[in-house]
Amino acid sequence: MGSNPPIPEILPPGSGYSPQPQPPVRRPRRSWQAAPATYLLLGINIAVFLAMTFSGVKPMSPTTYQLMDWGANNAGNVLYLGQWWRIVTAMFVHVGILHLATNMWCLWNLGLLAEPLMGSIGVIAVYVLTGAAGNLLSTLVNLYSYRAEGIFPAGAGASGAVFGIAGALIVLLKSQRLPVPPVELSKLRRSVIYFAVINLVIGGSISFGTKVIGSGINIDNMAHLGGVACGLLFALPMVPRLGAPRSLFDRRLRFAIGMIFTLLVLFGFFITKFAG
């Protein structure tokens, strides 16, 4: 019924017919191939939790001593015993399976959105640096709040780093370089902002209720606040990998990593002087 003549199976010589080349068929990439850093971080967190469980740690309600044995953050251990490695290890330790599940669900959703914009190195960098920023801020606040008592609470979890990824996304999704309709970008950005604001409010409300009642869940809101603030700062000098020249993206990413690392080192020195 079409207007084009049928193509013969064998073309006569000199017919002048030249078949149009077919575009190569691209096999769809699996999600773990499109976002390897996100799945690597998920795997490390899950592996640490499984190792804790197999070693005898209670999967639903580990004790403070068990969390400290596996690298939880504590102002006293960090500042008076020099165990600065806890600033990093704490972001891979979780207080029970529900804590792990909620953090990993958020990390998976935000990581799959962030990795095309920041690249695999960027996602790992923002996770570690913003998680460290959150733990450093928590260390400072706990030092100020509990120094008189001499007993400091333990902090653990990936939520500070998750908030950091959200903060970076809030900035990067504002970019005009992204090859995405502005309406869709606006929707994505609003959803990330709602995620950060709602969870900060929920965390603050729970902590306030715990203080009023005298018992309940203790949430490290300073780690969340420090993470999201550092994520916003991390992304300010960056351009998204999509829609930008590779050389420009790499240069801006290196600058962002160096800037945040330097600020965290200086912040660590400040906390040390404050503790003294």
C-alpha atoms as a PDB file:
ATOM      1  CA  MET A   1       0.000   0.000   0.000  1.00  0.00           C
ATOM      2  CA  GLY A   2       3.037   2.343   0.360  1.00  0.00           C
ATOM      3  CA  SER A   3       4.253   4.645  -2.375  1.00  0.00           C
ATOM      4  CA  ASN A   4       7.840   3.310  -2.366  1.00  0.00           C
ATOM      5  CA  PRO A   5       8.537   0.444  -4.788  1.00  0.00           C
ATOM      6  CA  PRO A   6       9.485  -2.904  -3.255  1.00  0.00           C
ATOM      7  CA  ILE A   7      13.179  -3.668  -2.944  1.00  0.00           C
ATOM      8  CA  PRO A   8      14.154  -6.702  -5.013  1.00  0.00           C
ATOM      9  CA  GLU A   9      15.997  -9.524  -3.297  1.00  0.00           C
ATOM     10  CA  ILE A  10      18.698  -9.460  -6.018  1.00  0.00           C
ATOM     11  CA  LEU A  11      19.556  -6.085  -7.481  1.00  0.00           C
ATOM     12  CA  PRO A  12      20.390  -5.875 -11.183  1.00  0.00           C
ATOM     13  CA  PRO A  13      23.839  -4.462 -11.917  1.00  0.00           C
ATOM     14  CA  GLY A  14      23.916  -0.751 -12.465  1.00  0.00           C
ATOM     15  CA  SER A  15      20.526  -0.258 -10.891  1.00  0.00           C
ATOM     16  CA  GLY A  16      21.913   2.589  -8.813  1.00  0.00           C
ATOM     17  CA  TYR A  17      20.137   1.356  -5.676  1.00  0.00           C
ATOM     18  CA  SER A  18      22.092   1.821  -2.507  1.00  0.00           C
ATOM     19  CA  PRO A  19      20.445   0.455   0.660  1.00  0.00           C
ATOM     20  CA  GLN A  20      20.483   2.809   3.673  1.00  0.00           C
ATOM     21  CA  PRO A  21      22.784   1.554   6.422  1.00  0.00           C
ATOM     22  CA  GLN A  22      20.924   0.503   9.526  1.00  0.00           C
ATOM     23  CA  PRO A  23      21.988   2.159  12.780  1.00  0.00           C
ATOM     24  CA  PRO A  24      23.778  -0.199  15.158  1.00  0.00           C
ATOM     25  CA  VAL A  25      21.555  -1.715  17.789  1.00  0.00           C
ATOM     26  CA  ARG A  26      22.715  -0.709  21.240  1.00  0.00           C
ATOM     27  CA  ARG A  27      22.260  -3.215  23.959  1.00  0.00           C
ATOM     28  CA  PRO A  28      20.700  -1.577  27.029  1.00  0.00           C
ATOM     29  CA  ARG A  29      23.182  -1.106  29.844  1.00  0.00           C
ATOM     30  CA  ARG A  30      22.387  -2.712  33.126  1.00  0.00           C
ATOM     31  CA  SER A  31      21.854  -0.313  35.998  1.00  0.00           C
ATOM     32  CA  TRP A  32      24.990  -1.441  37.824  1.00  0.00           C
ATOM     33  CA  GLN A  33      27.031  -0.743  34.692  1.00  0.00           C
ATOM     34  CA  ALA A  34      25.553   2.741  34.356  1.00  0.00           C
ATOM     35  CA  ALA A  35      26.216   3.555  38.032  1.00  0.00           C
ATOM     36  CA  PRO A  36      29.089   1.356  39.275  1.00  0.00           C
ATOM     37  CA  ALA A  37      30.094   3.716  42.110  1.00  0.00           C
ATOM     38  CA  THR A  38      26.582   3.700  43.560  1.00  0.00           C
ATOM     39  CA  TYR A  39      26.486  -0.086  43.611  1.00  0.00           C
ATOM     40  CA  LEU A  40      30.025  -0.252  44.984  1.00  0.00           C
ATOM     41  CA  LEU A  41      29.031   1.951  47.922  1.00  0.00           C
ATOM     42  CA  LEU A  42      25.884  -0.097  48.463  1.00  0.00           C
ATOM     43  CA  GLY A  43      27.965  -3.275  48.416  1.00  0.00           C
ATOM     44  CA  ILE A  44      30.495  -1.974  50.946  1.00  0.00           C
ATOM     45  CA  ASN A  45      27.783  -0.879  53.378  1.00  0.00           C
ATOM     46  CA  ILE A  46      25.925  -4.186  53.083  1.00  0.00           C
ATOM     47  CA  ALA A  47      29.146  -6.202  53.352  1.00  0.00           C
ATOM     48  CA  VAL A  48      30.130  -4.379  56.550  1.00  0.00           C
ATOM     49  CA  PHE A  49      26.699  -5.019  58.049  1.00  0.00           C
ATOM     50  CA  LEU A  50      26.838  -8.727  57.142  1.00  0.00           C
ATOM     51  CA  ALA A  51      30.317  -9.013  58.615  1.00  0.00           C
ATOM     52  CA  MET A  52      29.050  -7.382  61.815  1.00  0.00           C
ATOM     53  CA  THR A  53      26.111  -9.778  61.975  1.00  0.00           C
ATOM     54  CA  PHE A  54      28.210 -12.893  61.338  1.00  0.00           C
ATOM     55  CA  SER A  55      30.625 -11.797  64.066  1.00  0.00           C
ATOM     56  CA  GLY A  56      27.816 -11.792  66.622  1.00  0.00           C
ATOM     57  CA  VAL A  57      26.497  -8.215  66.466  1.00  0.00           C
ATOM     58  CA  LYS A  58      22.735  -8.042  66.964  1.00  0.00           C
ATOM     59  CA  PRO A  59      21.179  -7.265  63.549  1.00  0.00           C
ATOM     60  CA  MET A  60      18.245  -5.339  65.015  1.00  0.00           C
ATOM     61  CA  SER A  61      19.780  -3.496  67.947  1.00  0.00           C
ATOM     62  CA  PRO A  62      23.589  -3.534  68.208  1.00  0.00           C
ATOM     63  CA  THR A  63      25.062  -2.219  71.418  1.00  0.00           C
ATOM     64  CA  THR A  64      27.157   0.937  71.620  1.00  0.00           C
ATOM     65  CA  TYR A  65      30.257  -1.148  72.354  1.00  0.00           C
ATOM     66  CA  GLN A  66      29.651  -3.264  69.260  1.00  0.00           C
ATOM     67  CA  LEU A  67      29.232  -0.171  67.091  1.00  0.00           C
ATOM     68  CA  MET A  68      32.440   1.314  68.491  1.00  0.00           C
ATOM     69  CA  ASP A  69      34.316  -1.914  67.781  1.00  0.00           C
ATOM     70  CA  TRP A  70      33.305  -1.602  64.127  1.00  0.00           C
ATOM     71  CA  GLY A  71      34.303   2.029  63.695  1.00  0.00           C
ATOM     72  CA  ALA A  72      31.447   4.249  64.875  1.00  0.00           C
ATOM     73  CA  ASN A  73      32.233   7.920  65.452  1.00  0.00           C
ATOM     74  CA  ASN A  74      32.796   9.268  68.952  1.00  0.00           C
ATOM     75  CA  ALA A  75      34.103  12.699  69.895  1.00  0.00           C
ATOM     76  CA  GLY A  76      36.194  11.384  72.759  1.00  0.00           C
ATOM     77  CA  ASN A  77      37.878   8.651  70.743  1.00  0.00           C
ATOM     78  CA  VAL A  78      38.546  10.985  67.817  1.00  0.00           C
ATOM     79  CA  LEU A  79      39.847  14.008  69.694  1.00  0.00           C
ATOM     80  CA  TYR A  80      41.464  12.521  72.805  1.00  0.00           C
ATOM     81  CA  LEU A  81      42.643   9.160  71.468  1.00  0.00           C
ATOM     82  CA  GLY A  82      43.501  10.376  67.968  1.00  0.00           C
ATOM     83  CA  GLN A  83      41.229   7.885  66.184  1.00  0.00           C
ATOM     84  CA  TRP A  84      40.467  10.173  63.229  1.00  0.00           C
ATOM     85  CA  TRP A  85      39.784   7.203  60.979  1.00  0.00           C
ATOM     86  CA  ARG A  86      36.393   6.930  62.669  1.00  0.00           C
ATOM     87  CA  ILE A  87      35.297  10.048  60.745  1.00  0.00           C
ATOM     88  CA  VAL A  88      35.353   7.852  57.609  1.00  0.00           C
ATOM     89  CA  THR A  89      34.548   4.366  58.919  1.00  0.00           C
ATOM     90  CA  ALA A  90      31.416   5.559  60.734  1.00  0.00           C
ATOM     91  CA  MET A  91      29.678   6.233  57.421  1.00  0.00           C
ATOM     92  CA  PHE A  92      29.776   2.508  56.616  1.00  0.00           C
ATOM     93  CA  VAL A  93      28.469   1.271  60.008  1.00  0.00           C
ATOM     94  CA  HIS A  94      24.732   1.061  60.738  1.00  0.00           C
ATOM     95  CA  VAL A  95      22.605   0.742  63.860  1.00  0.00           C
ATOM     96  CA  GLY A  96      20.535  -2.275  62.839  1.00  0.00           C
ATOM     97  CA  ILE A  97      19.000  -3.580  59.652  1.00  0.00           C
ATOM     98  CA  LEU A  98      16.223  -0.952  59.487  1.00  0.00           C
ATOM     99  CA  HIS A  99      18.790   1.820  59.682  1.00  0.00           C
ATOM    100  CA  LEU A 100      20.758   0.143  56.902  1.00  0.00           C
ATOM    101  CA  ALA A 101      17.705  -0.453  54.711  1.00  0.00           C
ATOM    102  CA  THR A 102      16.458   3.142  54.843  1.00  0.00           C
ATOM    103  CA  ASN A 103      19.895   4.603  54.167  1.00  0.00           C
ATOM    104  CA  MET A 104      20.613   2.198  51.307  1.00  0.00           C
ATOM    105  CA  TRP A 105      17.225   2.891  49.703  1.00  0.00           C
ATOM    106  CA  CYS A 106      17.968   6.613  49.714  1.00  0.00           C
ATOM    107  CA  LEU A 107      21.551   6.077  48.531  1.00  0.00           C
ATOM    108  CA  TRP A 108      20.359   3.897  45.648  1.00  0.00           C
ATOM    109  CA  ASN A 109      17.773   6.405  44.435  1.00  0.00           C
ATOM    110  CA  LEU A 110      19.989   9.471  44.764  1.00  0.00           C
ATOM    111  CA  GLY A 111      23.095   7.696  43.484  1.00  0.00           C
ATOM    112  CA  LEU A 112      21.419   6.542  40.269  1.00  0.00           C
ATOM    113  CA  LEU A 113      20.378  10.148  39.665  1.00  0.00           C
ATOM    114  CA  ALA A 114      23.740  11.649  40.633  1.00  0.00           C
ATOM    115  CA  GLU A 115      26.198   9.380  38.844  1.00  0.00           C
ATOM    116  CA  PRO A 116      25.357  10.497  35.283  1.00  0.00           C
ATOM    117  CA  LEU A 117      25.900  14.086  36.472  1.00  0.00           C
ATOM    118  CA  MET A 118      29.015  13.625  38.618  1.00  0.00           C
ATOM    119  CA  GLY A 119      30.617  10.493  37.243  1.00  0.00           C
ATOM    120  CA  SER A 120      31.729   7.510  39.318  1.00  0.00           C
ATOM    121  CA  ILE A 121      34.695   9.306  40.880  1.00  0.00           C
ATOM    122  CA  GLY A 122      32.462  12.250  41.724  1.00  0.00           C
ATOM    123  CA  VAL A 123      29.897  10.078  43.499  1.00  0.00           C
ATOM    124  CA  ILE A 124      32.558   8.344  45.591  1.00  0.00           C
ATOM    125  CA  ALA A 125      34.208  11.669  46.379  1.00  0.00           C
ATOM    126  CA  VAL A 126      30.989  13.393  47.400  1.00  0.00           C
ATOM    127  CA  TYR A 127      29.962  10.388  49.522  1.00  0.00           C
ATOM    128  CA  VAL A 128      33.248  10.269  51.447  1.00  0.00           C
ATOM    129  CA  LEU A 129      33.842  14.023  51.731  1.00  0.00           C
ATOM    130  CA  THR A 130      30.310  15.038  52.695  1.00  0.00           C
ATOM    131  CA  GLY A 131      29.986  12.071  55.036  1.00  0.00           C
ATOM    132  CA  ALA A 132      33.228  13.173  56.701  1.00  0.00           C
ATOM    133  CA  ALA A 133      31.947  16.752  56.906  1.00  0.00           C
ATOM    134  CA  GLY A 134      28.801  15.578  58.658  1.00  0.00           C
ATOM    135  CA  ASN A 135      30.771  13.456  61.118  1.00  0.00           C
ATOM    136  CA  LEU A 136      33.183  16.322  61.840  1.00  0.00           C
ATOM    137  CA  LEU A 137      30.317  18.701  62.577  1.00  0.00           C
ATOM    138  CA  SER A 138      28.713  16.053  64.784  1.00  0.00           C
ATOM    139  CA  THR A 139      32.024  15.618  66.608  1.00  0.00           C
ATOM    140  CA  LEU A 140      32.282  19.356  67.276  1.00  0.00           C
ATOM    141  CA  VAL A 141      28.702  19.684  68.534  1.00  0.00           C
ATOM    142  CA  ASN A 142      28.961  16.571  70.723  1.00  0.00           C
ATOM    143  CA  LEU A 143      32.218  17.854  72.172  1.00  0.00           C
ATOM    144  CA  TYR A 144      30.515  21.117  73.121  1.00  0.00           C
ATOM    145  CA  SER A 145      27.361  19.401  74.452  1.00  0.00           C
ATOM    146  CA  TYR A 146      28.855  16.491  76.400  1.00  0.00           C
ATOM    147  CA  ARG A 147      32.320  17.687  77.453  1.00  0.00           C
ATOM    148  CA  ALA A 148      31.193  18.339  81.034  1.00  0.00           C
ATOM    149  CA  GLU A 149      29.806  14.806  81.321  1.00  0.00           C
ATOM    150  CA  GLY A 150      32.858  13.198  79.738  1.00  0.00           C
ATOM    151  CA  ILE A 151      30.718  10.575  78.004  1.00  0.00           C
ATOM    152  CA  PHE A 152      30.120  11.086  74.304  1.00  0.00           C
ATOM    153  CA  PRO A 153      27.464   9.371  72.154  1.00  0.00           C
ATOM    154  CA  ALA A 154      28.401   7.080  69.299  1.00  0.00           C
ATOM    155  CA  GLY A 155      27.430   8.106  65.774  1.00  0.00           C
ATOM    156  CA  ALA A 156      27.091   5.820  62.762  1.00  0.00           C
ATOM    157  CA  GLY A 157      25.400   5.579  59.402  1.00  0.00           C
ATOM    158  CA  ALA A 158      25.556   6.731  55.793  1.00  0.00           C
ATOM    159  CA  SER A 159      22.859   9.373  56.166  1.00  0.00           C
ATOM    160  CA  GLY A 160      25.299  12.295  56.308  1.00  0.00           C
ATOM    161  CA  ALA A 161      26.791  11.167  52.985  1.00  0.00           C
ATOM    162  CA  VAL A 162      23.316  10.595  51.545  1.00  0.00           C
ATOM    163  CA  PHE A 163      22.347  14.154  52.474  1.00  0.00           C
ATOM    164  CA  GLY A 164      25.599  15.270  50.866  1.00  0.00           C
ATOM    165  CA  ILE A 165      24.631  13.664  47.553  1.00  0.00           C
ATOM    166  CA  ALA A 166      21.248  15.372  47.815  1.00  0.00           C
ATOM    167  CA  GLY A 167      22.934  18.741  48.393  1.00  0.00           C
ATOM    168  CA  ALA A 168      25.146  18.301  45.337  1.00  0.00           C
ATOM    169  CA  LEU A 169      22.135  17.330  43.220  1.00  0.00           C
ATOM    170  CA  ILE A 170      20.241  20.451  44.274  1.00  0.00           C
ATOM    171  CA  VAL A 171      23.009  22.546  42.706  1.00  0.00           C
ATOM    172  CA  LEU A 172      23.773  20.421  39.633  1.00  0.00           C
ATOM    173  CA  LEU A 173      20.132  20.026  38.619  1.00  0.00           C
ATOM    174  CA  LYS A 174      19.982  23.801  38.298  1.00  0.00           C
ATOM    175  CA  SER A 175      22.461  23.730  35.402  1.00  0.00           C
ATOM    176  CA  GLN A 176      21.294  24.958  31.998  1.00  0.00           C
ATOM    177  CA  ARG A 177      23.763  22.641  30.272  1.00  0.00           C
ATOM    178  CA  LEU A 178      21.776  19.494  30.932  1.00  0.00           C
ATOM    179  CA  PRO A 179      20.043  18.090  27.832  1.00  0.00           C
ATOM    180  CA  VAL A 180      16.770  17.668  29.711  1.00  0.00           C
ATOM    181  CA  PRO A 181      13.582  19.731  29.368  1.00  0.00           C
ATOM    182  CA  PRO A 182      13.539  22.498  32.005  1.00  0.00           C
ATOM    183  CA  VAL A 183      10.176  21.328  33.330  1.00  0.00           C
ATOM    184  CA  GLU A 184      11.535  17.847  34.055  1.00  0.00           C
ATOM    185  CA  LEU A 185      14.675  19.283  35.653  1.00  0.00           C
ATOM    186  CA  SER A 186      12.565  21.491  37.869  1.00  0.00           C
ATOM    187  CA  LYS A 187      10.505  18.503  39.020  1.00  0.00           C
ATOM    188  CA  LEU A 188      13.607  16.452  39.812  1.00  0.00           C
ATOM    189  CA  ARG A 189      15.223  19.310  41.691  1.00  0.00           C
ATOM    190  CA  ARG A 190      12.082  19.989  43.731  1.00  0.00           C
ATOM    191  CA  SER A 191      11.837  16.326  44.709  1.00  0.00           C
ATOM    192  CA  VAL A 192      15.438  16.337  45.956  1.00  0.00           C
ATOM    193  CA  ILE A 193      14.851  19.572  47.889  1.00  0.00           C
ATOM    194  CA  TYR A 194      11.694  18.096  49.445  1.00  0.00           C
ATOM    195  CA  PHE A 195      13.660  14.969  50.392  1.00  0.00           C
ATOM    196  CA  ALA A 196      16.338  17.014  52.176  1.00  0.00           C
ATOM    197  CA  VAL A 197      13.973  19.435  53.921  1.00  0.00           C
ATOM    198  CA  ILE A 198      11.405  16.851  55.017  1.00  0.00           C
ATOM    199  CA  ASN A 199      14.031  14.498  56.416  1.00  0.00           C
ATOM    200  CA  LEU A 200      15.820  17.300  58.231  1.00  0.00           C
ATOM    201  CA  VAL A 201      12.513  18.351  59.804  1.00  0.00           C
ATOM    202  CA  ILE A 202      11.620  14.764  60.721  1.00  0.00           C
ATOM    203  CA  GLY A 203      15.039  14.172  62.243  1.00  0.00           C
ATOM    204  CA  GLY A 204      14.876  17.381  64.247  1.00  0.00           C
ATOM    205  CA  SER A 205      11.363  16.616  65.473  1.00  0.00           C
ATOM    206  CA  ILE A 206      12.307  13.113  66.606  1.00  0.00           C
ATOM    207  CA  SER A 207      15.374  14.394  68.460  1.00  0.00           C
ATOM    208  CA  PHE A 208      13.312  17.126  70.130  1.00  0.00           C
ATOM    209  CA  GLY A 209      10.697  14.584  71.208  1.00  0.00           C
ATOM    210  CA  THR A 210      13.393  12.313  72.579  1.00  0.00           C
ATOM    211  CA  LYS A 211      14.793  15.135  74.717  1.00  0.00           C
ATOM    212  CA  VAL A 212      11.352  16.103  76.006  1.00  0.00           C
ATOM    213  CA  ILE A 213      10.278  12.564  76.859  1.00  0.00           C
ATOM    214  CA  GLY A 214      13.683  11.449  78.044  1.00  0.00           C
ATOM    215  CA  SER A 215      13.804   8.341  75.890  1.00  0.00           C
ATOM    216  CA  GLY A 216      13.501   7.386  72.250  1.00  0.00           C
ATOM    217  CA  ILE A 217      15.566   7.427  69.080  1.00  0.00           C
ATOM    218  CA  ASN A 218      18.643   9.618  68.892  1.00  0.00           C
ATOM    219  CA  ILE A 219      19.225  10.977  65.386  1.00  0.00           C
ATOM    220  CA  ASP A 220      22.494  12.627  64.437  1.00  0.00           C
ATOM    221  CA  ASN A 221      20.994  15.729  62.867  1.00  0.00           C
ATOM    222  CA  MET A 222      24.362  17.508  62.824  1.00  0.00           C
ATOM    223  CA  ALA A 223      25.710  14.817  60.489  1.00  0.00           C
ATOM    224  CA  HIS A 224      22.727  15.418  58.183  1.00  0.00           C
ATOM    225  CA  LEU A 225      23.151  19.189  58.283  1.00  0.00           C
ATOM    226  CA  GLY A 226      26.900  19.027  57.749  1.00  0.00           C
ATOM    227  CA  GLY A 227      26.469  16.572  54.881  1.00  0.00           C
ATOM    228  CA  VAL A 228      23.925  18.610  52.937  1.00  0.00           C
ATOM    229  CA  ALA A 229      25.840  21.865  53.476  1.00  0.00           C
ATOM    230  CA  CYS A 230      29.059  20.277  52.239  1.00  0.00           C
ATOM    231  CA  GLY A 231      27.226  18.778  49.251  1.00  0.00           C
ATOM    232  CA  LEU A 232      25.956  22.203  48.227  1.00  0.00           C
ATOM    233  CA  LEU A 233      29.458  23.641  48.532  1.00  0.00           C
ATOM    234  CA  PHE A 234      31.024  20.697  46.680  1.00  0.00           C
ATOM    235  CA  ALA A 235      28.810  21.186  43.622  1.00  0.00           C
ATOM    236  CA  LEU A 236      29.080  24.995  43.385  1.00  0.00           C
ATOM    237  CA  PRO A 237      32.252  25.048  41.242  1.00  0.00           C
ATOM    238  CA  MET A 238      31.207  21.998  39.198  1.00  0.00           C
ATOM    239  CA  VAL A 239      29.442  21.536  35.904  1.00  0.00           C
ATOM    240  CA  PRO A 240      27.446  18.358  35.218  1.00  0.00           C
ATOM    241  CA  ARG A 241      29.187  15.703  33.159  1.00  0.00           C
ATOM    242  CA  LEU A 242      26.199  15.642  30.797  1.00  0.00           C
ATOM    243  CA  GLY A 243      26.217  18.605  28.438  1.00  0.00           C
ATOM    244  CA  ALA A 244      29.693  19.877  29.354  1.00  0.00           C
ATOM    245  CA  PRO A 245      33.103  19.275  27.703  1.00  0.00           C
ATOM    246  CA  ARG A 246      34.931  16.410  29.402  1.00  0.00           C
ATOM    247  CA  SER A 247      38.024  18.523  30.072  1.00  0.00           C
ATOM    248  CA  LEU A 248      35.954  21.229  31.787  1.00  0.00           C
ATOM    249  CA  PHE A 249      34.093  18.683  33.912  1.00  0.00           C
ATOM    250  CA  ASP A 250      37.319  16.934  34.986  1.00  0.00           C
ATOM    251  CA  ARG A 251      38.977  20.240  35.869  1.00  0.00           C
ATOM    252  CA  ARG A 252      36.029  21.465  37.922  1.00  0.00           C
ATOM    253  CA  LEU A 253      35.675  18.091  39.675  1.00  0.00           C
ATOM    254  CA  ARG A 254      39.339  18.080  40.707  1.00  0.00           C
ATOM    255  CA  PHE A 255      38.992  21.625  42.007  1.00  0.00           C
ATOM    256  CA  ALA A 256      35.872  20.706  44.021  1.00  0.00           C
ATOM    257  CA  ILE A 257      37.569  17.663  45.575  1.00  0.00           C
ATOM    258  CA  GLY A 258      40.693  19.642  46.465  1.00  0.00           C
ATOM    259  CA  MET A 259      38.688  22.541  47.872  1.00  0.00           C
ATOM    260  CA  ILE A 260      36.497  20.400  50.120  1.00  0.00           C
ATOM    261  CA  PHE A 261      39.410  18.226  51.280  1.00  0.00           C
ATOM    262  CA  THR A 262      41.369  21.334  52.270  1.00  0.00           C
ATOM    263  CA  LEU A 263      38.398  22.807  54.130  1.00  0.00           C
ATOM    264  CA  LEU A 264      37.824  19.560  56.016  1.00  0.00           C
ATOM    265  CA  VAL A 265      41.475  19.391  57.083  1.00  0.00           C
ATOM    266  CA  LEU A 266      41.278  22.980  58.344  1.00  0.00           C
ATOM    267  CA  PHE A 267      38.002  22.225  60.113  1.00  0.00           C
ATOM    268  CA  GLY A 268      39.637  19.219  61.765  1.00  0.00           C
ATOM    269  CA  PHE A 269      42.480  21.432  63.045  1.00  0.00           C
ATOM    270  CA  PHE A 270      39.912  23.889  64.398  1.00  0.00           C
ATOM    271  CA  ILE A 271      38.085  21.139  66.278  1.00  0.00           C
ATOM    272  CA  THR A 272      41.379  19.919  67.721  1.00  0.00           C
ATOM    273  CA  LYS A 273      42.213  23.398  69.009  1.00  0.00           C
ATOM    274  CA  PHE A 274      38.689  23.744  70.418  1.00  0.00           C
ATOM    275  CA  ALA A 275      39.064  20.422  72.237  1.00  0.00           C
ATOM    276  CA  GLY A 276      42.347  21.508  73.768  1.00  0.00           C
END
